[in-house]
Amino acid sequence: MRKAAVTTVSTVAGVVLLLSLKPHVNATPAVAAPSPSAPPSAPSSGAPSQSPSTSHTTSASPTGTYTGDTFNTRYGPVQLAVTLTQGKITAVKALQTPSGDGRSQQIASYAVPQLTSETLSAQSARIDAVSGATYTSEGYVQSLQSALDKAGV
């Protein structure tokens, strides 16, 4: 009887602790809002070389296509080209995706359109990974961030 009570109390305490944990993803959007205001001071060093066609009073609105670095994942390389119009992400094209075998191609063909859609909605590299495509998602986000860094966004 005593063991059952201790086990029950321990289990309830464990469940309460687990339920009280907040996922890190919920904290990111709160941080995401201040981030767009921070980059305008940083792009002044990288933006002039990549966005000479746009000359507003602020240099935080690049226009053009920027190619991200290639990131090798466990299943193959991922590389993106990001098109920006006045600082907004208007298109993302996958230049390289994992294609070492049929399964990797299948996963990439499923994941990349979802990641692209989420990128266009989020307007940043702060996007969730696609379930079942963790490595492809990580490579996608890294290449996307690389392209955005080159753009000075």
N, C-alpha and C. Protein backbone atom coordinates (compact mmCIF):
# COMPACT_ATOMS: atom_id res chain seq x y z
N MET A 1 0.83 -1.19 0.00
CA MET A 1 0.00 0.00 0.00
C MET A 1 0.87 1.25 0.00
N ARG A 2 1.91 1.24 0.80
CA ARG A 2 2.79 2.39 0.90
C ARG A 2 3.54 2.61 -0.42
N LYS A 3 4.00 1.52 -1.07
CA LYS A 3 4.69 1.63 -2.35
C LYS A 3 3.77 2.21 -3.43
N ALA A 4 2.52 1.79 -3.40
CA ALA A 4 1.57 2.30 -4.38
C ALA A 4 1.36 3.80 -4.22
N ALA A 5 1.30 4.28 -3.00
CA ALA A 5 1.12 5.71 -2.75
C ALA A 5 2.33 6.50 -3.22
N VAL A 6 3.52 6.00 -2.92
CA VAL A 6 4.75 6.68 -3.34
C VAL A 6 4.86 6.68 -4.86
N THR A 7 4.53 5.58 -5.49
CA THR A 7 4.58 5.49 -6.95
C THR A 7 3.58 6.45 -7.58
N THR A 8 2.39 6.52 -7.04
CA THR A 8 1.36 7.41 -7.57
C THR A 8 1.79 8.87 -7.44
N VAL A 9 2.28 9.25 -6.27
CA VAL A 9 2.71 10.63 -6.04
C VAL A 9 3.88 10.97 -6.96
N SER A 10 4.82 10.06 -7.13
CA SER A 10 5.97 10.29 -8.01
C SER A 10 5.51 10.46 -9.46
N THR A 11 4.61 9.64 -9.88
CA THR A 11 4.11 9.72 -11.25
C THR A 11 3.38 11.03 -11.49
N VAL A 12 2.53 11.42 -10.57
CA VAL A 12 1.80 12.68 -10.70
C VAL A 12 2.77 13.86 -10.72
N ALA A 13 3.77 13.84 -9.85
CA ALA A 13 4.76 14.92 -9.83
C ALA A 13 5.52 14.98 -11.15
N GLY A 14 5.88 13.84 -11.69
CA GLY A 14 6.59 13.81 -12.97
C GLY A 14 5.74 14.35 -14.10
N VAL A 15 4.47 13.98 -14.14
CA VAL A 15 3.57 14.46 -15.19
C VAL A 15 3.39 15.97 -15.07
N VAL A 16 3.23 16.47 -13.86
CA VAL A 16 3.06 17.91 -13.65
C VAL A 16 4.30 18.65 -14.12
N LEU A 17 5.49 18.14 -13.83
CA LEU A 17 6.72 18.78 -14.28
C LEU A 17 6.81 18.78 -15.80
N LEU A 18 6.48 17.67 -16.43
CA LEU A 18 6.52 17.61 -17.89
C LEU A 18 5.53 18.56 -18.53
N LEU A 19 4.35 18.65 -17.97
CA LEU A 19 3.35 19.54 -18.53
C LEU A 19 3.68 21.02 -18.31
N SER A 20 4.47 21.30 -17.31
CA SER A 20 4.82 22.69 -17.04
C SER A 20 5.95 23.19 -17.93
N LEU A 21 6.61 22.29 -18.65
CA LEU A 21 7.68 22.71 -19.55
C LEU A 21 7.09 23.42 -20.77
N LYS A 22 7.70 24.49 -21.16
CA LYS A 22 7.28 25.23 -22.33
C LYS A 22 8.22 24.87 -23.48
N PRO A 23 7.69 24.56 -24.65
CA PRO A 23 8.57 24.26 -25.78
C PRO A 23 9.33 25.50 -26.21
N HIS A 24 10.55 25.30 -26.65
CA HIS A 24 11.40 26.41 -27.07
C HIS A 24 10.80 27.15 -28.26
N VAL A 25 10.03 26.45 -29.09
CA VAL A 25 9.44 27.04 -30.28
C VAL A 25 8.54 28.22 -29.92
N ASN A 26 7.80 28.14 -28.82
CA ASN A 26 6.92 29.23 -28.43
C ASN A 26 7.69 30.48 -28.03
N ALA A 27 8.90 30.30 -27.52
CA ALA A 27 9.71 31.45 -27.12
C ALA A 27 10.31 32.14 -28.34
N THR A 28 10.51 31.44 -29.44
CA THR A 28 11.15 32.01 -30.61
C THR A 28 10.35 33.14 -31.25
N PRO A 29 9.01 33.00 -31.45
CA PRO A 29 8.28 34.10 -32.05
C PRO A 29 8.36 35.39 -31.24
N ALA A 30 8.42 35.29 -29.94
CA ALA A 30 8.54 36.50 -29.13
C ALA A 30 9.88 37.18 -29.38
N VAL A 31 10.90 36.38 -29.64
CA VAL A 31 12.23 36.91 -29.93
C VAL A 31 12.31 37.35 -31.38
N ALA A 32 11.50 36.72 -32.25
CA ALA A 32 11.57 37.00 -33.68
C ALA A 32 11.15 38.43 -34.00
N ALA A 33 10.25 39.00 -33.25
CA ALA A 33 9.80 40.35 -33.55
C ALA A 33 10.91 41.39 -33.41
N PRO A 34 11.74 41.37 -32.34
CA PRO A 34 12.81 42.34 -32.24
C PRO A 34 13.92 42.12 -33.26
N SER A 35 14.11 40.90 -33.75
CA SER A 35 15.21 40.60 -34.66
C SER A 35 15.19 41.42 -35.93
N PRO A 36 14.03 41.60 -36.59
CA PRO A 36 14.05 42.40 -37.81
C PRO A 36 14.53 43.83 -37.58
N SER A 37 14.35 44.38 -36.40
CA SER A 37 14.84 45.73 -36.16
C SER A 37 16.33 45.74 -35.89
N ALA A 38 16.89 44.61 -35.44
CA ALA A 38 18.32 44.56 -35.17
C ALA A 38 19.16 44.48 -36.44
N PRO A 39 18.80 43.69 -37.47
CA PRO A 39 19.64 43.59 -38.64
C PRO A 39 19.90 44.87 -39.42
N PRO A 40 19.01 45.90 -39.42
CA PRO A 40 19.35 47.08 -40.20
C PRO A 40 20.68 47.70 -39.84
N SER A 41 21.14 47.57 -38.61
CA SER A 41 22.44 48.13 -38.28
C SER A 41 23.56 47.22 -38.77
N ALA A 42 23.32 45.90 -38.83
CA ALA A 42 24.34 44.98 -39.28
C ALA A 42 24.53 44.97 -40.79
N PRO A 43 23.47 45.12 -41.62
CA PRO A 43 23.65 45.01 -43.05
C PRO A 43 24.53 46.09 -43.66
N SER A 44 24.79 47.17 -42.95
CA SER A 44 25.57 48.23 -43.54
C SER A 44 26.93 47.74 -44.00
N SER A 45 27.48 46.68 -43.37
CA SER A 45 28.77 46.16 -43.80
C SER A 45 28.66 45.22 -44.98
N GLY A 46 27.57 44.42 -45.07
CA GLY A 46 27.47 43.43 -46.13
C GLY A 46 26.53 43.82 -47.26
N ALA A 47 25.60 44.71 -47.04
CA ALA A 47 24.59 45.03 -48.04
C ALA A 47 25.12 45.79 -49.25
N PRO A 48 26.05 46.74 -49.11
CA PRO A 48 26.44 47.51 -50.28
C PRO A 48 27.00 46.65 -51.42
N SER A 49 27.69 45.58 -51.12
CA SER A 49 28.29 44.77 -52.17
C SER A 49 27.25 43.93 -52.90
N GLN A 50 26.11 43.62 -52.29
CA GLN A 50 25.13 42.74 -52.90
C GLN A 50 23.90 43.45 -53.43
N SER A 51 23.60 44.65 -52.97
CA SER A 51 22.34 45.27 -53.37
C SER A 51 22.52 46.70 -53.87
N PRO A 52 23.34 46.90 -54.89
CA PRO A 52 23.51 48.26 -55.40
C PRO A 52 22.29 48.79 -56.15
N SER A 53 21.39 47.90 -56.60
CA SER A 53 20.24 48.34 -57.37
C SER A 53 19.17 49.02 -56.53
N THR A 54 19.20 48.83 -55.23
CA THR A 54 18.20 49.43 -54.36
C THR A 54 18.86 50.53 -53.55
N SER A 55 18.36 51.75 -53.69
CA SER A 55 18.97 52.83 -52.93
C SER A 55 17.87 53.64 -52.25
N HIS A 56 17.42 53.14 -51.11
CA HIS A 56 16.48 53.87 -50.26
C HIS A 56 17.30 54.55 -49.18
N THR A 57 16.62 55.25 -48.30
CA THR A 57 17.34 55.88 -47.21
C THR A 57 17.89 54.85 -46.25
N THR A 58 17.30 53.65 -46.23
CA THR A 58 17.85 52.58 -45.41
C THR A 58 18.41 51.52 -46.34
N SER A 59 19.48 50.87 -45.93
CA SER A 59 20.09 49.84 -46.76
C SER A 59 19.59 48.46 -46.36
N ALA A 60 18.46 48.40 -45.65
CA ALA A 60 17.93 47.12 -45.17
C ALA A 60 16.89 46.53 -46.10
N SER A 61 16.83 46.98 -47.34
CA SER A 61 15.83 46.43 -48.26
C SER A 61 16.50 45.98 -49.55
N PRO A 62 17.30 44.90 -49.47
CA PRO A 62 17.97 44.41 -50.67
C PRO A 62 17.00 43.78 -51.66
N THR A 63 17.36 43.85 -52.93
CA THR A 63 16.60 43.22 -53.99
C THR A 63 17.57 42.41 -54.83
N GLY A 64 17.20 41.19 -55.14
CA GLY A 64 18.06 40.34 -55.95
C GLY A 64 17.96 38.90 -55.52
N THR A 65 18.76 38.05 -56.17
CA THR A 65 18.80 36.63 -55.83
C THR A 65 20.14 36.34 -55.19
N TYR A 66 20.09 35.69 -54.06
CA TYR A 66 21.28 35.39 -53.27
C TYR A 66 21.39 33.88 -53.10
N THR A 67 22.56 33.34 -53.38
CA THR A 67 22.78 31.91 -53.28
C THR A 67 23.41 31.58 -51.94
N GLY A 68 22.79 30.67 -51.22
CA GLY A 68 23.31 30.24 -49.93
C GLY A 68 24.44 29.24 -50.10
N ASP A 69 25.19 29.04 -49.05
CA ASP A 69 26.25 28.05 -49.07
C ASP A 69 25.65 26.66 -49.17
N THR A 70 26.46 25.72 -49.66
CA THR A 70 26.04 24.32 -49.72
C THR A 70 26.32 23.68 -48.37
N PHE A 71 25.34 23.00 -47.81
CA PHE A 71 25.52 22.30 -46.54
C PHE A 71 25.32 20.81 -46.78
N ASN A 72 26.33 20.05 -46.42
CA ASN A 72 26.26 18.60 -46.58
C ASN A 72 25.56 17.99 -45.39
N THR A 73 24.49 17.27 -45.67
CA THR A 73 23.77 16.56 -44.64
C THR A 73 24.16 15.09 -44.70
N ARG A 74 23.63 14.32 -43.82
CA ARG A 74 23.92 12.89 -43.78
C ARG A 74 23.51 12.21 -45.09
N TYR A 75 22.49 12.74 -45.76
CA TYR A 75 21.96 12.11 -46.95
C TYR A 75 22.26 12.85 -48.25
N GLY A 76 22.99 13.94 -48.17
CA GLY A 76 23.37 14.68 -49.37
C GLY A 76 23.37 16.18 -49.15
N PRO A 77 23.86 16.93 -50.13
CA PRO A 77 23.98 18.38 -49.98
C PRO A 77 22.64 19.11 -50.15
N VAL A 78 22.56 20.27 -49.50
CA VAL A 78 21.40 21.16 -49.64
C VAL A 78 21.94 22.55 -49.93
N GLN A 79 21.41 23.17 -50.98
CA GLN A 79 21.79 24.54 -51.33
C GLN A 79 20.57 25.25 -51.89
N LEU A 80 20.39 26.51 -51.50
CA LEU A 80 19.23 27.29 -51.92
C LEU A 80 19.64 28.59 -52.57
N ALA A 81 18.76 29.12 -53.39
CA ALA A 81 18.86 30.48 -53.90
C ALA A 81 17.60 31.21 -53.44
N VAL A 82 17.78 32.36 -52.83
CA VAL A 82 16.67 33.12 -52.27
C VAL A 82 16.52 34.43 -53.04
N THR A 83 15.31 34.71 -53.48
CA THR A 83 15.03 35.96 -54.18
C THR A 83 14.34 36.91 -53.22
N LEU A 84 14.91 38.10 -53.12
CA LEU A 84 14.37 39.15 -52.26
C LEU A 84 13.91 40.32 -53.12
N THR A 85 12.81 40.91 -52.74
CA THR A 85 12.33 42.13 -53.37
C THR A 85 12.10 43.14 -52.26
N GLN A 86 12.90 44.18 -52.25
CA GLN A 86 12.87 45.21 -51.22
C GLN A 86 12.89 44.60 -49.83
N GLY A 87 13.78 43.62 -49.64
CA GLY A 87 13.97 43.00 -48.33
C GLY A 87 13.00 41.89 -47.98
N LYS A 88 12.01 41.61 -48.82
CA LYS A 88 11.04 40.55 -48.56
C LYS A 88 11.40 39.32 -49.37
N ILE A 89 11.29 38.16 -48.75
CA ILE A 89 11.55 36.90 -49.44
C ILE A 89 10.37 36.64 -50.38
N THR A 90 10.65 36.59 -51.68
CA THR A 90 9.58 36.37 -52.66
C THR A 90 9.66 35.00 -53.30
N ALA A 91 10.84 34.35 -53.25
CA ALA A 91 10.98 33.02 -53.83
C ALA A 91 12.18 32.32 -53.22
N VAL A 92 12.08 31.01 -53.14
CA VAL A 92 13.20 30.18 -52.69
C VAL A 92 13.29 29.02 -53.68
N LYS A 93 14.47 28.83 -54.23
CA LYS A 93 14.68 27.73 -55.17
C LYS A 93 15.74 26.80 -54.61
N ALA A 94 15.42 25.52 -54.56
CA ALA A 94 16.39 24.52 -54.10
C ALA A 94 17.32 24.18 -55.26
N LEU A 95 18.59 24.53 -55.12
CA LEU A 95 19.57 24.22 -56.16
C LEU A 95 20.10 22.81 -56.01
N GLN A 96 20.23 22.36 -54.76
CA GLN A 96 20.68 20.99 -54.47
C GLN A 96 19.86 20.45 -53.31
N THR A 97 19.44 19.22 -53.43
CA THR A 97 18.76 18.52 -52.33
C THR A 97 19.31 17.10 -52.27
N PRO A 98 19.18 16.44 -51.13
CA PRO A 98 19.67 15.07 -51.03
C PRO A 98 19.05 14.18 -52.11
N SER A 99 19.92 13.50 -52.85
CA SER A 99 19.43 12.66 -53.94
C SER A 99 20.26 11.39 -54.09
N GLY A 100 20.91 10.98 -53.00
CA GLY A 100 21.77 9.80 -53.05
C GLY A 100 21.03 8.51 -53.34
N ASP A 101 19.79 8.43 -52.94
CA ASP A 101 18.99 7.23 -53.21
C ASP A 101 17.53 7.65 -53.38
N GLY A 102 16.70 6.71 -53.75
CA GLY A 102 15.29 7.01 -53.99
C GLY A 102 14.58 7.55 -52.78
N ARG A 103 14.90 7.01 -51.62
CA ARG A 103 14.23 7.46 -50.38
C ARG A 103 14.59 8.91 -50.06
N SER A 104 15.87 9.26 -50.24
CA SER A 104 16.30 10.65 -49.98
C SER A 104 15.61 11.60 -50.94
N GLN A 105 15.48 11.21 -52.20
CA GLN A 105 14.79 12.04 -53.18
C GLN A 105 13.32 12.21 -52.81
N GLN A 106 12.71 11.13 -52.36
CA GLN A 106 11.30 11.17 -51.97
C GLN A 106 11.10 12.11 -50.79
N ILE A 107 11.96 12.00 -49.79
CA ILE A 107 11.85 12.86 -48.60
C ILE A 107 12.06 14.32 -48.98
N ALA A 108 13.08 14.59 -49.81
CA ALA A 108 13.36 15.97 -50.22
C ALA A 108 12.20 16.54 -51.03
N SER A 109 11.62 15.73 -51.91
CA SER A 109 10.51 16.23 -52.74
C SER A 109 9.27 16.52 -51.91
N TYR A 110 9.16 15.87 -50.78
CA TYR A 110 8.05 16.11 -49.86
C TYR A 110 8.34 17.31 -48.95
N ALA A 111 9.58 17.39 -48.45
CA ALA A 111 9.92 18.39 -47.43
C ALA A 111 10.18 19.78 -48.00
N VAL A 112 10.89 19.88 -49.11
CA VAL A 112 11.30 21.18 -49.62
C VAL A 112 10.11 22.10 -49.92
N PRO A 113 9.05 21.63 -50.58
CA PRO A 113 7.91 22.55 -50.78
C PRO A 113 7.29 23.05 -49.47
N GLN A 114 7.25 22.18 -48.45
CA GLN A 114 6.71 22.61 -47.15
C GLN A 114 7.63 23.65 -46.52
N LEU A 115 8.94 23.42 -46.58
CA LEU A 115 9.90 24.36 -46.00
C LEU A 115 9.85 25.68 -46.75
N THR A 116 9.69 25.63 -48.06
CA THR A 116 9.61 26.86 -48.86
C THR A 116 8.36 27.64 -48.50
N SER A 117 7.24 26.97 -48.38
CA SER A 117 5.99 27.63 -48.01
C SER A 117 6.12 28.30 -46.64
N GLU A 118 6.72 27.59 -45.71
CA GLU A 118 6.89 28.15 -44.38
C GLU A 118 7.85 29.34 -44.38
N THR A 119 8.88 29.26 -45.21
CA THR A 119 9.83 30.37 -45.33
C THR A 119 9.14 31.62 -45.86
N LEU A 120 8.32 31.45 -46.88
CA LEU A 120 7.60 32.60 -47.45
C LEU A 120 6.63 33.20 -46.45
N SER A 121 6.05 32.38 -45.60
CA SER A 121 5.14 32.88 -44.56
C SER A 121 5.91 33.56 -43.43
N ALA A 122 7.00 32.94 -42.99
CA ALA A 122 7.76 33.46 -41.85
C ALA A 122 8.65 34.64 -42.23
N GLN A 123 9.04 34.73 -43.51
CA GLN A 123 9.96 35.77 -43.98
C GLN A 123 11.28 35.75 -43.22
N SER A 124 11.72 34.55 -42.83
CA SER A 124 13.00 34.41 -42.15
C SER A 124 13.40 32.94 -42.19
N ALA A 125 14.55 32.66 -41.60
CA ALA A 125 15.02 31.27 -41.52
C ALA A 125 14.55 30.60 -40.24
N ARG A 126 13.74 31.27 -39.48
CA ARG A 126 13.20 30.70 -38.25
C ARG A 126 11.93 29.91 -38.56
N ILE A 127 12.16 28.70 -39.05
CA ILE A 127 11.05 27.84 -39.45
C ILE A 127 11.20 26.49 -38.78
N ASP A 128 10.09 25.77 -38.69
CA ASP A 128 10.11 24.44 -38.09
C ASP A 128 10.59 23.40 -39.09
N ALA A 129 11.22 22.37 -38.58
CA ALA A 129 11.64 21.25 -39.42
C ALA A 129 10.42 20.43 -39.83
N VAL A 130 10.55 19.75 -40.95
CA VAL A 130 9.49 18.86 -41.41
C VAL A 130 9.72 17.51 -40.76
N SER A 131 8.69 16.96 -40.16
CA SER A 131 8.79 15.66 -39.51
C SER A 131 9.19 14.60 -40.52
N GLY A 132 10.19 13.82 -40.18
CA GLY A 132 10.68 12.78 -41.07
C GLY A 132 11.75 13.26 -42.03
N ALA A 133 12.05 14.54 -42.01
CA ALA A 133 13.06 15.12 -42.90
C ALA A 133 13.98 16.04 -42.11
N THR A 134 14.41 15.57 -40.96
CA THR A 134 15.20 16.41 -40.06
C THR A 134 16.49 16.90 -40.70
N TYR A 135 17.25 16.00 -41.33
CA TYR A 135 18.53 16.39 -41.91
C TYR A 135 18.32 17.36 -43.08
N THR A 136 17.37 17.08 -43.93
CA THR A 136 17.08 17.98 -45.04
C THR A 136 16.62 19.33 -44.51
N SER A 137 15.80 19.34 -43.49
CA SER A 137 15.32 20.59 -42.90
C SER A 137 16.47 21.41 -42.32
N GLU A 138 17.39 20.74 -41.63
CA GLU A 138 18.53 21.46 -41.05
C GLU A 138 19.41 22.06 -42.14
N GLY A 139 19.68 21.29 -43.20
CA GLY A 139 20.47 21.82 -44.31
C GLY A 139 19.77 22.98 -44.99
N TYR A 140 18.46 22.86 -45.14
CA TYR A 140 17.65 23.92 -45.76
C TYR A 140 17.77 25.21 -44.95
N VAL A 141 17.58 25.11 -43.65
CA VAL A 141 17.62 26.30 -42.80
C VAL A 141 19.02 26.92 -42.81
N GLN A 142 20.06 26.10 -42.79
CA GLN A 142 21.42 26.63 -42.80
C GLN A 142 21.73 27.35 -44.11
N SER A 143 21.34 26.76 -45.24
CA SER A 143 21.59 27.40 -46.53
C SER A 143 20.74 28.67 -46.68
N LEU A 144 19.51 28.60 -46.20
CA LEU A 144 18.63 29.77 -46.23
C LEU A 144 19.24 30.92 -45.42
N GLN A 145 19.70 30.61 -44.22
CA GLN A 145 20.30 31.66 -43.38
C GLN A 145 21.55 32.22 -44.03
N SER A 146 22.32 31.35 -44.67
CA SER A 146 23.53 31.80 -45.37
C SER A 146 23.18 32.79 -46.47
N ALA A 147 22.15 32.48 -47.26
CA ALA A 147 21.72 33.39 -48.33
C ALA A 147 21.23 34.72 -47.76
N LEU A 148 20.45 34.65 -46.68
CA LEU A 148 19.95 35.88 -46.06
C LEU A 148 21.08 36.70 -45.47
N ASP A 149 22.10 36.04 -44.93
CA ASP A 149 23.27 36.76 -44.42
C ASP A 149 23.99 37.48 -45.55
N LYS A 150 24.11 36.82 -46.69
CA LYS A 150 24.76 37.45 -47.85
C LYS A 150 23.96 38.66 -48.33
N ALA A 151 22.65 38.59 -48.19
CA ALA A 151 21.79 39.71 -48.59
C ALA A 151 21.82 40.83 -47.56
N GLY A 152 22.28 40.51 -46.37
CA GLY A 152 22.30 41.52 -45.31
C GLY A 152 20.98 41.66 -44.61
N VAL A 153 20.16 40.63 -44.69
CA VAL A 153 18.85 40.67 -44.04
C VAL A 153 18.93 39.98 -42.70
